[in-house]
PDBML (XML) file of the C-alpha atoms, coordinates in Angstrom:
<?xml version="1.0" encoding="UTF-8" ?>
<PDBx:datablock datablockName="MODEL"
   xmlns:PDBx="http://pdbml.pdb.org/schema/pdbx-v50.xsd"
   xmlns:xsi="http://www.w3.org/2001/XMLSchema-instance"
   xsi:schemaLocation="http://pdbml.pdb.org/schema/pdbx-v50.xsd pdbx-v50.xsd">
   <PDBx:atom_siteCategory>
      <PDBx:atom_site id="1">
         <PDBx:B_iso_or_equiv>0.00</PDBx:B_iso_or_equiv>
         <PDBx:Cartn_x>138.125</PDBx:Cartn_x>
         <PDBx:Cartn_y>-54.160</PDBx:Cartn_y>
         <PDBx:Cartn_z>-122.497</PDBx:Cartn_z>
         <PDBx:auth_asym_id>A</PDBx:auth_asym_id>
         <PDBx:auth_atom_id>CA</PDBx:auth_atom_id>
         <PDBx:auth_comp_id>UNK</PDBx:auth_comp_id>
         <PDBx:auth_seq_id>1</PDBx:auth_seq_id>
         <PDBx:group_PDB>ATOM</PDBx:group_PDB>
         <PDBx:label_alt_id xsi:nil="true" />
         <PDBx:label_asym_id>A</PDBx:label_asym_id>
         <PDBx:label_atom_id>CA</PDBx:label_atom_id>
         <PDBx:label_comp_id>UNK</PDBx:label_comp_id>
         <PDBx:label_entity_id>1</PDBx:label_entity_id>
         <PDBx:label_seq_id>1</PDBx:label_seq_id>
         <PDBx:occupancy>1.00</PDBx:occupancy>
         <PDBx:pdbx_PDB_model_num>1</PDBx:pdbx_PDB_model_num>
         <PDBx:type_symbol>C</PDBx:type_symbol>
      </PDBx:atom_site>
      <PDBx:atom_site id="2">
         <PDBx:B_iso_or_equiv>0.00</PDBx:B_iso_or_equiv>
         <PDBx:Cartn_x>135.967</PDBx:Cartn_x>
         <PDBx:Cartn_y>-57.122</PDBx:Cartn_y>
         <PDBx:Cartn_z>-122.941</PDBx:Cartn_z>
         <PDBx:auth_asym_id>A</PDBx:auth_asym_id>
         <PDBx:auth_atom_id>CA</PDBx:auth_atom_id>
         <PDBx:auth_comp_id>UNK</PDBx:auth_comp_id>
         <PDBx:auth_seq_id>2</PDBx:auth_seq_id>
         <PDBx:group_PDB>ATOM</PDBx:group_PDB>
         <PDBx:label_alt_id xsi:nil="true" />
         <PDBx:label_asym_id>A</PDBx:label_asym_id>
         <PDBx:label_atom_id>CA</PDBx:label_atom_id>
         <PDBx:label_comp_id>UNK</PDBx:label_comp_id>
         <PDBx:label_entity_id>1</PDBx:label_entity_id>
         <PDBx:label_seq_id>2</PDBx:label_seq_id>
         <PDBx:occupancy>1.00</PDBx:occupancy>
         <PDBx:pdbx_PDB_model_num>1</PDBx:pdbx_PDB_model_num>
         <PDBx:type_symbol>C</PDBx:type_symbol>
      </PDBx:atom_site>
      <PDBx:atom_site id="3">
         <PDBx:B_iso_or_equiv>0.00</PDBx:B_iso_or_equiv>
         <PDBx:Cartn_x>133.217</PDBx:Cartn_x>
         <PDBx:Cartn_y>-54.892</PDBx:Cartn_y>
         <PDBx:Cartn_z>-120.352</PDBx:Cartn_z>
         <PDBx:auth_asym_id>A</PDBx:auth_asym_id>
         <PDBx:auth_atom_id>CA</PDBx:auth_atom_id>
         <PDBx:auth_comp_id>UNK</PDBx:auth_comp_id>
         <PDBx:auth_seq_id>3</PDBx:auth_seq_id>
         <PDBx:group_PDB>ATOM</PDBx:group_PDB>
         <PDBx:label_alt_id xsi:nil="true" />
         <PDBx:label_asym_id>A</PDBx:label_asym_id>
         <PDBx:label_atom_id>CA</PDBx:label_atom_id>
         <PDBx:label_comp_id>UNK</PDBx:label_comp_id>
         <PDBx:label_entity_id>1</PDBx:label_entity_id>
         <PDBx:label_seq_id>3</PDBx:label_seq_id>
         <PDBx:occupancy>1.00</PDBx:occupancy>
         <PDBx:pdbx_PDB_model_num>1</PDBx:pdbx_PDB_model_num>
         <PDBx:type_symbol>C</PDBx:type_symbol>
      </PDBx:atom_site>
      <PDBx:atom_site id="4">
         <PDBx:B_iso_or_equiv>0.00</PDBx:B_iso_or_equiv>
         <PDBx:Cartn_x>132.871</PDBx:Cartn_x>
         <PDBx:Cartn_y>-58.605</PDBx:Cartn_y>
         <PDBx:Cartn_z>-118.662</PDBx:Cartn_z>
         <PDBx:auth_asym_id>A</PDBx:auth_asym_id>
         <PDBx:auth_atom_id>CA</PDBx:auth_atom_id>
         <PDBx:auth_comp_id>UNK</PDBx:auth_comp_id>
         <PDBx:auth_seq_id>4</PDBx:auth_seq_id>
         <PDBx:group_PDB>ATOM</PDBx:group_PDB>
         <PDBx:label_alt_id xsi:nil="true" />
         <PDBx:label_asym_id>A</PDBx:label_asym_id>
         <PDBx:label_atom_id>CA</PDBx:label_atom_id>
         <PDBx:label_comp_id>UNK</PDBx:label_comp_id>
         <PDBx:label_entity_id>1</PDBx:label_entity_id>
         <PDBx:label_seq_id>4</PDBx:label_seq_id>
         <PDBx:occupancy>1.00</PDBx:occupancy>
         <PDBx:pdbx_PDB_model_num>1</PDBx:pdbx_PDB_model_num>
         <PDBx:type_symbol>C</PDBx:type_symbol>
      </PDBx:atom_site>
      <PDBx:atom_site id="5">
         <PDBx:B_iso_or_equiv>0.00</PDBx:B_iso_or_equiv>
         <PDBx:Cartn_x>132.653</PDBx:Cartn_x>
         <PDBx:Cartn_y>-59.904</PDBx:Cartn_y>
         <PDBx:Cartn_z>-115.600</PDBx:Cartn_z>
         <PDBx:auth_asym_id>A</PDBx:auth_asym_id>
         <PDBx:auth_atom_id>CA</PDBx:auth_atom_id>
         <PDBx:auth_comp_id>UNK</PDBx:auth_comp_id>
         <PDBx:auth_seq_id>5</PDBx:auth_seq_id>
         <PDBx:group_PDB>ATOM</PDBx:group_PDB>
         <PDBx:label_alt_id xsi:nil="true" />
         <PDBx:label_asym_id>A</PDBx:label_asym_id>
         <PDBx:label_atom_id>CA</PDBx:label_atom_id>
         <PDBx:label_comp_id>UNK</PDBx:label_comp_id>
         <PDBx:label_entity_id>1</PDBx:label_entity_id>
         <PDBx:label_seq_id>5</PDBx:label_seq_id>
         <PDBx:occupancy>1.00</PDBx:occupancy>
         <PDBx:pdbx_PDB_model_num>1</PDBx:pdbx_PDB_model_num>
         <PDBx:type_symbol>C</PDBx:type_symbol>
      </PDBx:atom_site>
      <PDBx:atom_site id="6">
         <PDBx:B_iso_or_equiv>0.00</PDBx:B_iso_or_equiv>
         <PDBx:Cartn_x>132.766</PDBx:Cartn_x>
         <PDBx:Cartn_y>-63.743</PDBx:Cartn_y>
         <PDBx:Cartn_z>-114.692</PDBx:Cartn_z>
         <PDBx:auth_asym_id>A</PDBx:auth_asym_id>
         <PDBx:auth_atom_id>CA</PDBx:auth_atom_id>
         <PDBx:auth_comp_id>UNK</PDBx:auth_comp_id>
         <PDBx:auth_seq_id>6</PDBx:auth_seq_id>
         <PDBx:group_PDB>ATOM</PDBx:group_PDB>
         <PDBx:label_alt_id xsi:nil="true" />
         <PDBx:label_asym_id>A</PDBx:label_asym_id>
         <PDBx:label_atom_id>CA</PDBx:label_atom_id>
         <PDBx:label_comp_id>UNK</PDBx:label_comp_id>
         <PDBx:label_entity_id>1</PDBx:label_entity_id>
         <PDBx:label_seq_id>6</PDBx:label_seq_id>
         <PDBx:occupancy>1.00</PDBx:occupancy>
         <PDBx:pdbx_PDB_model_num>1</PDBx:pdbx_PDB_model_num>
         <PDBx:type_symbol>C</PDBx:type_symbol>
      </PDBx:atom_site>
      <PDBx:atom_site id="7">
         <PDBx:B_iso_or_equiv>0.00</PDBx:B_iso_or_equiv>
         <PDBx:Cartn_x>131.927</PDBx:Cartn_x>
         <PDBx:Cartn_y>-65.580</PDBx:Cartn_y>
         <PDBx:Cartn_z>-111.681</PDBx:Cartn_z>
         <PDBx:auth_asym_id>A</PDBx:auth_asym_id>
         <PDBx:auth_atom_id>CA</PDBx:auth_atom_id>
         <PDBx:auth_comp_id>UNK</PDBx:auth_comp_id>
         <PDBx:auth_seq_id>7</PDBx:auth_seq_id>
         <PDBx:group_PDB>ATOM</PDBx:group_PDB>
         <PDBx:label_alt_id xsi:nil="true" />
         <PDBx:label_asym_id>A</PDBx:label_asym_id>
         <PDBx:label_atom_id>CA</PDBx:label_atom_id>
         <PDBx:label_comp_id>UNK</PDBx:label_comp_id>
         <PDBx:label_entity_id>1</PDBx:label_entity_id>
         <PDBx:label_seq_id>7</PDBx:label_seq_id>
         <PDBx:occupancy>1.00</PDBx:occupancy>
         <PDBx:pdbx_PDB_model_num>1</PDBx:pdbx_PDB_model_num>
         <PDBx:type_symbol>C</PDBx:type_symbol>
      </PDBx:atom_site>
      <PDBx:atom_site id="8">
         <PDBx:B_iso_or_equiv>0.00</PDBx:B_iso_or_equiv>
         <PDBx:Cartn_x>134.055</PDBx:Cartn_x>
         <PDBx:Cartn_y>-69.058</PDBx:Cartn_y>
         <PDBx:Cartn_z>-111.888</PDBx:Cartn_z>
         <PDBx:auth_asym_id>A</PDBx:auth_asym_id>
         <PDBx:auth_atom_id>CA</PDBx:auth_atom_id>
         <PDBx:auth_comp_id>UNK</PDBx:auth_comp_id>
         <PDBx:auth_seq_id>8</PDBx:auth_seq_id>
         <PDBx:group_PDB>ATOM</PDBx:group_PDB>
         <PDBx:label_alt_id xsi:nil="true" />
         <PDBx:label_asym_id>A</PDBx:label_asym_id>
         <PDBx:label_atom_id>CA</PDBx:label_atom_id>
         <PDBx:label_comp_id>UNK</PDBx:label_comp_id>
         <PDBx:label_entity_id>1</PDBx:label_entity_id>
         <PDBx:label_seq_id>8</PDBx:label_seq_id>
         <PDBx:occupancy>1.00</PDBx:occupancy>
         <PDBx:pdbx_PDB_model_num>1</PDBx:pdbx_PDB_model_num>
         <PDBx:type_symbol>C</PDBx:type_symbol>
      </PDBx:atom_site>
      <PDBx:atom_site id="9">
         <PDBx:B_iso_or_equiv>0.00</PDBx:B_iso_or_equiv>
         <PDBx:Cartn_x>132.047</PDBx:Cartn_x>
         <PDBx:Cartn_y>-70.955</PDBx:Cartn_y>
         <PDBx:Cartn_z>-109.332</PDBx:Cartn_z>
         <PDBx:auth_asym_id>A</PDBx:auth_asym_id>
         <PDBx:auth_atom_id>CA</PDBx:auth_atom_id>
         <PDBx:auth_comp_id>UNK</PDBx:auth_comp_id>
         <PDBx:auth_seq_id>9</PDBx:auth_seq_id>
         <PDBx:group_PDB>ATOM</PDBx:group_PDB>
         <PDBx:label_alt_id xsi:nil="true" />
         <PDBx:label_asym_id>A</PDBx:label_asym_id>
         <PDBx:label_atom_id>CA</PDBx:label_atom_id>
         <PDBx:label_comp_id>UNK</PDBx:label_comp_id>
         <PDBx:label_entity_id>1</PDBx:label_entity_id>
         <PDBx:label_seq_id>9</PDBx:label_seq_id>
         <PDBx:occupancy>1.00</PDBx:occupancy>
         <PDBx:pdbx_PDB_model_num>1</PDBx:pdbx_PDB_model_num>
         <PDBx:type_symbol>C</PDBx:type_symbol>
      </PDBx:atom_site>
      <PDBx:atom_site id="10">
         <PDBx:B_iso_or_equiv>0.00</PDBx:B_iso_or_equiv>
         <PDBx:Cartn_x>133.889</PDBx:Cartn_x>
         <PDBx:Cartn_y>-74.224</PDBx:Cartn_y>
         <PDBx:Cartn_z>-107.769</PDBx:Cartn_z>
         <PDBx:auth_asym_id>A</PDBx:auth_asym_id>
         <PDBx:auth_atom_id>CA</PDBx:auth_atom_id>
         <PDBx:auth_comp_id>UNK</PDBx:auth_comp_id>
         <PDBx:auth_seq_id>10</PDBx:auth_seq_id>
         <PDBx:group_PDB>ATOM</PDBx:group_PDB>
         <PDBx:label_alt_id xsi:nil="true" />
         <PDBx:label_asym_id>A</PDBx:label_asym_id>
         <PDBx:label_atom_id>CA</PDBx:label_atom_id>
         <PDBx:label_comp_id>UNK</PDBx:label_comp_id>
         <PDBx:label_entity_id>1</PDBx:label_entity_id>
         <PDBx:label_seq_id>10</PDBx:label_seq_id>
         <PDBx:occupancy>1.00</PDBx:occupancy>
         <PDBx:pdbx_PDB_model_num>1</PDBx:pdbx_PDB_model_num>
         <PDBx:type_symbol>C</PDBx:type_symbol>
      </PDBx:atom_site>
      <PDBx:atom_site id="11">
         <PDBx:B_iso_or_equiv>0.00</PDBx:B_iso_or_equiv>
         <PDBx:Cartn_x>132.905</PDBx:Cartn_x>
         <PDBx:Cartn_y>-77.199</PDBx:Cartn_y>
         <PDBx:Cartn_z>-105.800</PDBx:Cartn_z>
         <PDBx:auth_asym_id>A</PDBx:auth_asym_id>
         <PDBx:auth_atom_id>CA</PDBx:auth_atom_id>
         <PDBx:auth_comp_id>UNK</PDBx:auth_comp_id>
         <PDBx:auth_seq_id>11</PDBx:auth_seq_id>
         <PDBx:group_PDB>ATOM</PDBx:group_PDB>
         <PDBx:label_alt_id xsi:nil="true" />
         <PDBx:label_asym_id>A</PDBx:label_asym_id>
         <PDBx:label_atom_id>CA</PDBx:label_atom_id>
         <PDBx:label_comp_id>UNK</PDBx:label_comp_id>
         <PDBx:label_entity_id>1</PDBx:label_entity_id>
         <PDBx:label_seq_id>11</PDBx:label_seq_id>
         <PDBx:occupancy>1.00</PDBx:occupancy>
         <PDBx:pdbx_PDB_model_num>1</PDBx:pdbx_PDB_model_num>
         <PDBx:type_symbol>C</PDBx:type_symbol>
      </PDBx:atom_site>
      <PDBx:atom_site id="12">
         <PDBx:B_iso_or_equiv>0.00</PDBx:B_iso_or_equiv>
         <PDBx:Cartn_x>129.284</PDBx:Cartn_x>
         <PDBx:Cartn_y>-76.208</PDBx:Cartn_y>
         <PDBx:Cartn_z>-106.500</PDBx:Cartn_z>
         <PDBx:auth_asym_id>A</PDBx:auth_asym_id>
         <PDBx:auth_atom_id>CA</PDBx:auth_atom_id>
         <PDBx:auth_comp_id>UNK</PDBx:auth_comp_id>
         <PDBx:auth_seq_id>12</PDBx:auth_seq_id>
         <PDBx:group_PDB>ATOM</PDBx:group_PDB>
         <PDBx:label_alt_id xsi:nil="true" />
         <PDBx:label_asym_id>A</PDBx:label_asym_id>
         <PDBx:label_atom_id>CA</PDBx:label_atom_id>
         <PDBx:label_comp_id>UNK</PDBx:label_comp_id>
         <PDBx:label_entity_id>1</PDBx:label_entity_id>
         <PDBx:label_seq_id>12</PDBx:label_seq_id>
         <PDBx:occupancy>1.00</PDBx:occupancy>
         <PDBx:pdbx_PDB_model_num>1</PDBx:pdbx_PDB_model_num>
         <PDBx:type_symbol>C</PDBx:type_symbol>
      </PDBx:atom_site>
      <PDBx:atom_site id="13">
         <PDBx:B_iso_or_equiv>0.00</PDBx:B_iso_or_equiv>
         <PDBx:Cartn_x>126.278</PDBx:Cartn_x>
         <PDBx:Cartn_y>-77.275</PDBx:Cartn_y>
         <PDBx:Cartn_z>-103.923</PDBx:Cartn_z>
         <PDBx:auth_asym_id>A</PDBx:auth_asym_id>
         <PDBx:auth_atom_id>CA</PDBx:auth_atom_id>
         <PDBx:auth_comp_id>UNK</PDBx:auth_comp_id>
         <PDBx:auth_seq_id>13</PDBx:auth_seq_id>
         <PDBx:group_PDB>ATOM</PDBx:group_PDB>
         <PDBx:label_alt_id xsi:nil="true" />
         <PDBx:label_asym_id>A</PDBx:label_asym_id>
         <PDBx:label_atom_id>CA</PDBx:label_atom_id>
         <PDBx:label_comp_id>UNK</PDBx:label_comp_id>
         <PDBx:label_entity_id>1</PDBx:label_entity_id>
         <PDBx:label_seq_id>13</PDBx:label_seq_id>
         <PDBx:occupancy>1.00</PDBx:occupancy>
         <PDBx:pdbx_PDB_model_num>1</PDBx:pdbx_PDB_model_num>
         <PDBx:type_symbol>C</PDBx:type_symbol>
      </PDBx:atom_site>
      <PDBx:atom_site id="14">
         <PDBx:B_iso_or_equiv>0.00</PDBx:B_iso_or_equiv>
         <PDBx:Cartn_x>122.777</PDBx:Cartn_x>
         <PDBx:Cartn_y>-78.104</PDBx:Cartn_y>
         <PDBx:Cartn_z>-104.362</PDBx:Cartn_z>
         <PDBx:auth_asym_id>A</PDBx:auth_asym_id>
         <PDBx:auth_atom_id>CA</PDBx:auth_atom_id>
         <PDBx:auth_comp_id>UNK</PDBx:auth_comp_id>
         <PDBx:auth_seq_id>14</PDBx:auth_seq_id>
         <PDBx:group_PDB>ATOM</PDBx:group_PDB>
         <PDBx:label_alt_id xsi:nil="true" />
         <PDBx:label_asym_id>A</PDBx:label_asym_id>
         <PDBx:label_atom_id>CA</PDBx:label_atom_id>
         <PDBx:label_comp_id>UNK</PDBx:label_comp_id>
         <PDBx:label_entity_id>1</PDBx:label_entity_id>
         <PDBx:label_seq_id>14</PDBx:label_seq_id>
         <PDBx:occupancy>1.00</PDBx:occupancy>
         <PDBx:pdbx_PDB_model_num>1</PDBx:pdbx_PDB_model_num>
         <PDBx:type_symbol>C</PDBx:type_symbol>
      </PDBx:atom_site>
      <PDBx:atom_site id="15">
         <PDBx:B_iso_or_equiv>0.00</PDBx:B_iso_or_equiv>
         <PDBx:Cartn_x>122.194</PDBx:Cartn_x>
         <PDBx:Cartn_y>-75.029</PDBx:Cartn_y>
         <PDBx:Cartn_z>-102.196</PDBx:Cartn_z>
         <PDBx:auth_asym_id>A</PDBx:auth_asym_id>
         <PDBx:auth_atom_id>CA</PDBx:auth_atom_id>
         <PDBx:auth_comp_id>UNK</PDBx:auth_comp_id>
         <PDBx:auth_seq_id>15</PDBx:auth_seq_id>
         <PDBx:group_PDB>ATOM</PDBx:group_PDB>
         <PDBx:label_alt_id xsi:nil="true" />
         <PDBx:label_asym_id>A</PDBx:label_asym_id>
         <PDBx:label_atom_id>CA</PDBx:label_atom_id>
         <PDBx:label_comp_id>UNK</PDBx:label_comp_id>
         <PDBx:label_entity_id>1</PDBx:label_entity_id>
         <PDBx:label_seq_id>15</PDBx:label_seq_id>
         <PDBx:occupancy>1.00</PDBx:occupancy>
         <PDBx:pdbx_PDB_model_num>1</PDBx:pdbx_PDB_model_num>
         <PDBx:type_symbol>C</PDBx:type_symbol>
      </PDBx:atom_site>
      <PDBx:atom_site id="16">
         <PDBx:B_iso_or_equiv>0.00</PDBx:B_iso_or_equiv>
         <PDBx:Cartn_x>123.780</PDBx:Cartn_x>
         <PDBx:Cartn_y>-73.209</PDBx:Cartn_y>
         <PDBx:Cartn_z>-104.481</PDBx:Cartn_z>
         <PDBx:auth_asym_id>A</PDBx:auth_asym_id>
         <PDBx:auth_atom_id>CA</PDBx:auth_atom_id>
         <PDBx:auth_comp_id>UNK</PDBx:auth_comp_id>
         <PDBx:auth_seq_id>16</PDBx:auth_seq_id>
         <PDBx:group_PDB>ATOM</PDBx:group_PDB>
         <PDBx:label_alt_id xsi:nil="true" />
         <PDBx:label_asym_id>A</PDBx:label_asym_id>
         <PDBx:label_atom_id>CA</PDBx:label_atom_id>
         <PDBx:label_comp_id>UNK</PDBx:label_comp_id>
         <PDBx:label_entity_id>1</PDBx:label_entity_id>
         <PDBx:label_seq_id>16</PDBx:label_seq_id>
         <PDBx:occupancy>1.00</PDBx:occupancy>
         <PDBx:pdbx_PDB_model_num>1</PDBx:pdbx_PDB_model_num>
         <PDBx:type_symbol>C</PDBx:type_symbol>
      </PDBx:atom_site>
      <PDBx:atom_site id="17">
         <PDBx:B_iso_or_equiv>0.00</PDBx:B_iso_or_equiv>
         <PDBx:Cartn_x>120.968</PDBx:Cartn_x>
         <PDBx:Cartn_y>-73.423</PDBx:Cartn_y>
         <PDBx:Cartn_z>-107.098</PDBx:Cartn_z>
         <PDBx:auth_asym_id>A</PDBx:auth_asym_id>
         <PDBx:auth_atom_id>CA</PDBx:auth_atom_id>
         <PDBx:auth_comp_id>UNK</PDBx:auth_comp_id>
         <PDBx:auth_seq_id>17</PDBx:auth_seq_id>
         <PDBx:group_PDB>ATOM</PDBx:group_PDB>
         <PDBx:label_alt_id xsi:nil="true" />
         <PDBx:label_asym_id>A</PDBx:label_asym_id>
         <PDBx:label_atom_id>CA</PDBx:label_atom_id>
         <PDBx:label_comp_id>UNK</PDBx:label_comp_id>
         <PDBx:label_entity_id>1</PDBx:label_entity_id>
         <PDBx:label_seq_id>17</PDBx:label_seq_id>
         <PDBx:occupancy>1.00</PDBx:occupancy>
         <PDBx:pdbx_PDB_model_num>1</PDBx:pdbx_PDB_model_num>
         <PDBx:type_symbol>C</PDBx:type_symbol>
      </PDBx:atom_site>
      <PDBx:atom_site id="18">
         <PDBx:B_iso_or_equiv>0.00</PDBx:B_iso_or_equiv>
         <PDBx:Cartn_x>119.532</PDBx:Cartn_x>
         <PDBx:Cartn_y>-70.071</PDBx:Cartn_y>
         <PDBx:Cartn_z>-108.012</PDBx:Cartn_z>
         <PDBx:auth_asym_id>A</PDBx:auth_asym_id>
         <PDBx:auth_atom_id>CA</PDBx:auth_atom_id>
         <PDBx:auth_comp_id>UNK</PDBx:auth_comp_id>
         <PDBx:auth_seq_id>18</PDBx:auth_seq_id>
         <PDBx:group_PDB>ATOM</PDBx:group_PDB>
         <PDBx:label_alt_id xsi:nil="true" />
         <PDBx:label_asym_id>A</PDBx:label_asym_id>
         <PDBx:label_atom_id>CA</PDBx:label_atom_id>
         <PDBx:label_comp_id>UNK</PDBx:label_comp_id>
         <PDBx:label_entity_id>1</PDBx:label_entity_id>
         <PDBx:label_seq_id>18</PDBx:label_seq_id>
         <PDBx:occupancy>1.00</PDBx:occupancy>
         <PDBx:pdbx_PDB_model_num>1</PDBx:pdbx_PDB_model_num>
         <PDBx:type_symbol>C</PDBx:type_symbol>
      </PDBx:atom_site>
      <PDBx:atom_site id="19">
         <PDBx:B_iso_or_equiv>0.00</PDBx:B_iso_or_equiv>
         <PDBx:Cartn_x>119.599</PDBx:Cartn_x>
         <PDBx:Cartn_y>-68.299</PDBx:Cartn_y>
         <PDBx:Cartn_z>-111.297</PDBx:Cartn_z>
         <PDBx:auth_asym_id>A</PDBx:auth_asym_id>
         <PDBx:auth_atom_id>CA</PDBx:auth_atom_id>
         <PDBx:auth_comp_id>UNK</PDBx:auth_comp_id>
         <PDBx:auth_seq_id>19</PDBx:auth_seq_id>
         <PDBx:group_PDB>ATOM</PDBx:group_PDB>
         <PDBx:label_alt_id xsi:nil="true" />
         <PDBx:label_asym_id>A</PDBx:label_asym_id>
         <PDBx:label_atom_id>CA</PDBx:label_atom_id>
         <PDBx:label_comp_id>UNK</PDBx:label_comp_id>
         <PDBx:label_entity_id>1</PDBx:label_entity_id>
         <PDBx:label_seq_id>19</PDBx:label_seq_id>
         <PDBx:occupancy>1.00</PDBx:occupancy>
         <PDBx:pdbx_PDB_model_num>1</PDBx:pdbx_PDB_model_num>
         <PDBx:type_symbol>C</PDBx:type_symbol>
      </PDBx:atom_site>
      <PDBx:atom_site id="20">
         <PDBx:B_iso_or_equiv>0.00</PDBx:B_iso_or_equiv>
         <PDBx:Cartn_x>123.066</PDBx:Cartn_x>
         <PDBx:Cartn_y>-65.794</PDBx:Cartn_y>
         <PDBx:Cartn_z>-111.229</PDBx:Cartn_z>
         <PDBx:auth_asym_id>A</PDBx:auth_asym_id>
         <PDBx:auth_atom_id>CA</PDBx:auth_atom_id>
         <PDBx:auth_comp_id>UNK</PDBx:auth_comp_id>
         <PDBx:auth_seq_id>20</PDBx:auth_seq_id>
         <PDBx:group_PDB>ATOM</PDBx:group_PDB>
         <PDBx:label_alt_id xsi:nil="true" />
         <PDBx:label_asym_id>A</PDBx:label_asym_id>
         <PDBx:label_atom_id>CA</PDBx:label_atom_id>
         <PDBx:label_comp_id>UNK</PDBx:label_comp_id>
         <PDBx:label_entity_id>1</PDBx:label_entity_id>
         <PDBx:label_seq_id>20</PDBx:label_seq_id>
         <PDBx:occupancy>1.00</PDBx:occupancy>
         <PDBx:pdbx_PDB_model_num>1</PDBx:pdbx_PDB_model_num>
         <PDBx:type_symbol>C</PDBx:type_symbol>
      </PDBx:atom_site>
      <PDBx:atom_site id="21">
         <PDBx:B_iso_or_equiv>0.00</PDBx:B_iso_or_equiv>
         <PDBx:Cartn_x>122.203</PDBx:Cartn_x>
         <PDBx:Cartn_y>-62.044</PDBx:Cartn_y>
         <PDBx:Cartn_z>-111.738</PDBx:Cartn_z>
         <PDBx:auth_asym_id>A</PDBx:auth_asym_id>
         <PDBx:auth_atom_id>CA</PDBx:auth_atom_id>
         <PDBx:auth_comp_id>UNK</PDBx:auth_comp_id>
         <PDBx:auth_seq_id>21</PDBx:auth_seq_id>
         <PDBx:group_PDB>ATOM</PDBx:group_PDB>
         <PDBx:label_alt_id xsi:nil="true" />
         <PDBx:label_asym_id>A</PDBx:label_asym_id>
         <PDBx:label_atom_id>CA</PDBx:label_atom_id>
         <PDBx:label_comp_id>UNK</PDBx:label_comp_id>
         <PDBx:label_entity_id>1</PDBx:label_entity_id>
         <PDBx:label_seq_id>21</PDBx:label_seq_id>
         <PDBx:occupancy>1.00</PDBx:occupancy>
         <PDBx:pdbx_PDB_model_num>1</PDBx:pdbx_PDB_model_num>
         <PDBx:type_symbol>C</PDBx:type_symbol>
      </PDBx:atom_site>
      <PDBx:atom_site id="22">
         <PDBx:B_iso_or_equiv>0.00</PDBx:B_iso_or_equiv>
         <PDBx:Cartn_x>124.684</PDBx:Cartn_x>
         <PDBx:Cartn_y>-59.707</PDBx:Cartn_y>
         <PDBx:Cartn_z>-112.180</PDBx:Cartn_z>
         <PDBx:auth_asym_id>A</PDBx:auth_asym_id>
         <PDBx:auth_atom_id>CA</PDBx:auth_atom_id>
         <PDBx:auth_comp_id>UNK</PDBx:auth_comp_id>
         <PDBx:auth_seq_id>22</PDBx:auth_seq_id>
         <PDBx:group_PDB>ATOM</PDBx:group_PDB>
         <PDBx:label_alt_id xsi:nil="true" />
         <PDBx:label_asym_id>A</PDBx:label_asym_id>
         <PDBx:label_atom_id>CA</PDBx:label_atom_id>
         <PDBx:label_comp_id>UNK</PDBx:label_comp_id>
         <PDBx:label_entity_id>1</PDBx:label_entity_id>
         <PDBx:label_seq_id>22</PDBx:label_seq_id>
         <PDBx:occupancy>1.00</PDBx:occupancy>
         <PDBx:pdbx_PDB_model_num>1</PDBx:pdbx_PDB_model_num>
         <PDBx:type_symbol>C</PDBx:type_symbol>
      </PDBx:atom_site>
      <PDBx:atom_site id="23">
         <PDBx:B_iso_or_equiv>0.00</PDBx:B_iso_or_equiv>
         <PDBx:Cartn_x>124.926</PDBx:Cartn_x>
         <PDBx:Cartn_y>-55.714</PDBx:Cartn_y>
         <PDBx:Cartn_z>-111.296</PDBx:Cartn_z>
         <PDBx:auth_asym_id>A</PDBx:auth_asym_id>
         <PDBx:auth_atom_id>CA</PDBx:auth_atom_id>
         <PDBx:auth_comp_id>UNK</PDBx:auth_comp_id>
         <PDBx:auth_seq_id>23</PDBx:auth_seq_id>
         <PDBx:group_PDB>ATOM</PDBx:group_PDB>
         <PDBx:label_alt_id xsi:nil="true" />
         <PDBx:label_asym_id>A</PDBx:label_asym_id>
         <PDBx:label_atom_id>CA</PDBx:label_atom_id>
         <PDBx:label_comp_id>UNK</PDBx:label_comp_id>
         <PDBx:label_entity_id>1</PDBx:label_entity_id>
         <PDBx:label_seq_id>23</PDBx:label_seq_id>
         <PDBx:occupancy>1.00</PDBx:occupancy>
         <PDBx:pdbx_PDB_model_num>1</PDBx:pdbx_PDB_model_num>
         <PDBx:type_symbol>C</PDBx:type_symbol>
      </PDBx:atom_site>
      <PDBx:atom_site id="24">
         <PDBx:B_iso_or_equiv>0.00</PDBx:B_iso_or_equiv>
         <PDBx:Cartn_x>126.446</PDBx:Cartn_x>
         <PDBx:Cartn_y>-53.027</PDBx:Cartn_y>
         <PDBx:Cartn_z>-112.325</PDBx:Cartn_z>
         <PDBx:auth_asym_id>A</PDBx:auth_asym_id>
         <PDBx:auth_atom_id>CA</PDBx:auth_atom_id>
         <PDBx:auth_comp_id>UNK</PDBx:auth_comp_id>
         <PDBx:auth_seq_id>24</PDBx:auth_seq_id>
         <PDBx:group_PDB>ATOM</PDBx:group_PDB>
         <PDBx:label_alt_id xsi:nil="true" />
         <PDBx:label_asym_id>A</PDBx:label_asym_id>
         <PDBx:label_atom_id>CA</PDBx:label_atom_id>
         <PDBx:label_comp_id>UNK</PDBx:label_comp_id>
         <PDBx:label_entity_id>1</PDBx:label_entity_id>
         <PDBx:label_seq_id>24</PDBx:label_seq_id>
         <PDBx:occupancy>1.00</PDBx:occupancy>
         <PDBx:pdbx_PDB_model_num>1</PDBx:pdbx_PDB_model_num>
         <PDBx:type_symbol>C</PDBx:type_symbol>
      </PDBx:atom_site>
   </PDBx:atom_siteCategory>
</PDBx:datablock>
């Protein structure tokens, strides 16, 4: 209903550093 997708990210690591993109 809110036309929204989420990405909950926990226990983040330095190797998670990036630009994050969503795709439909």
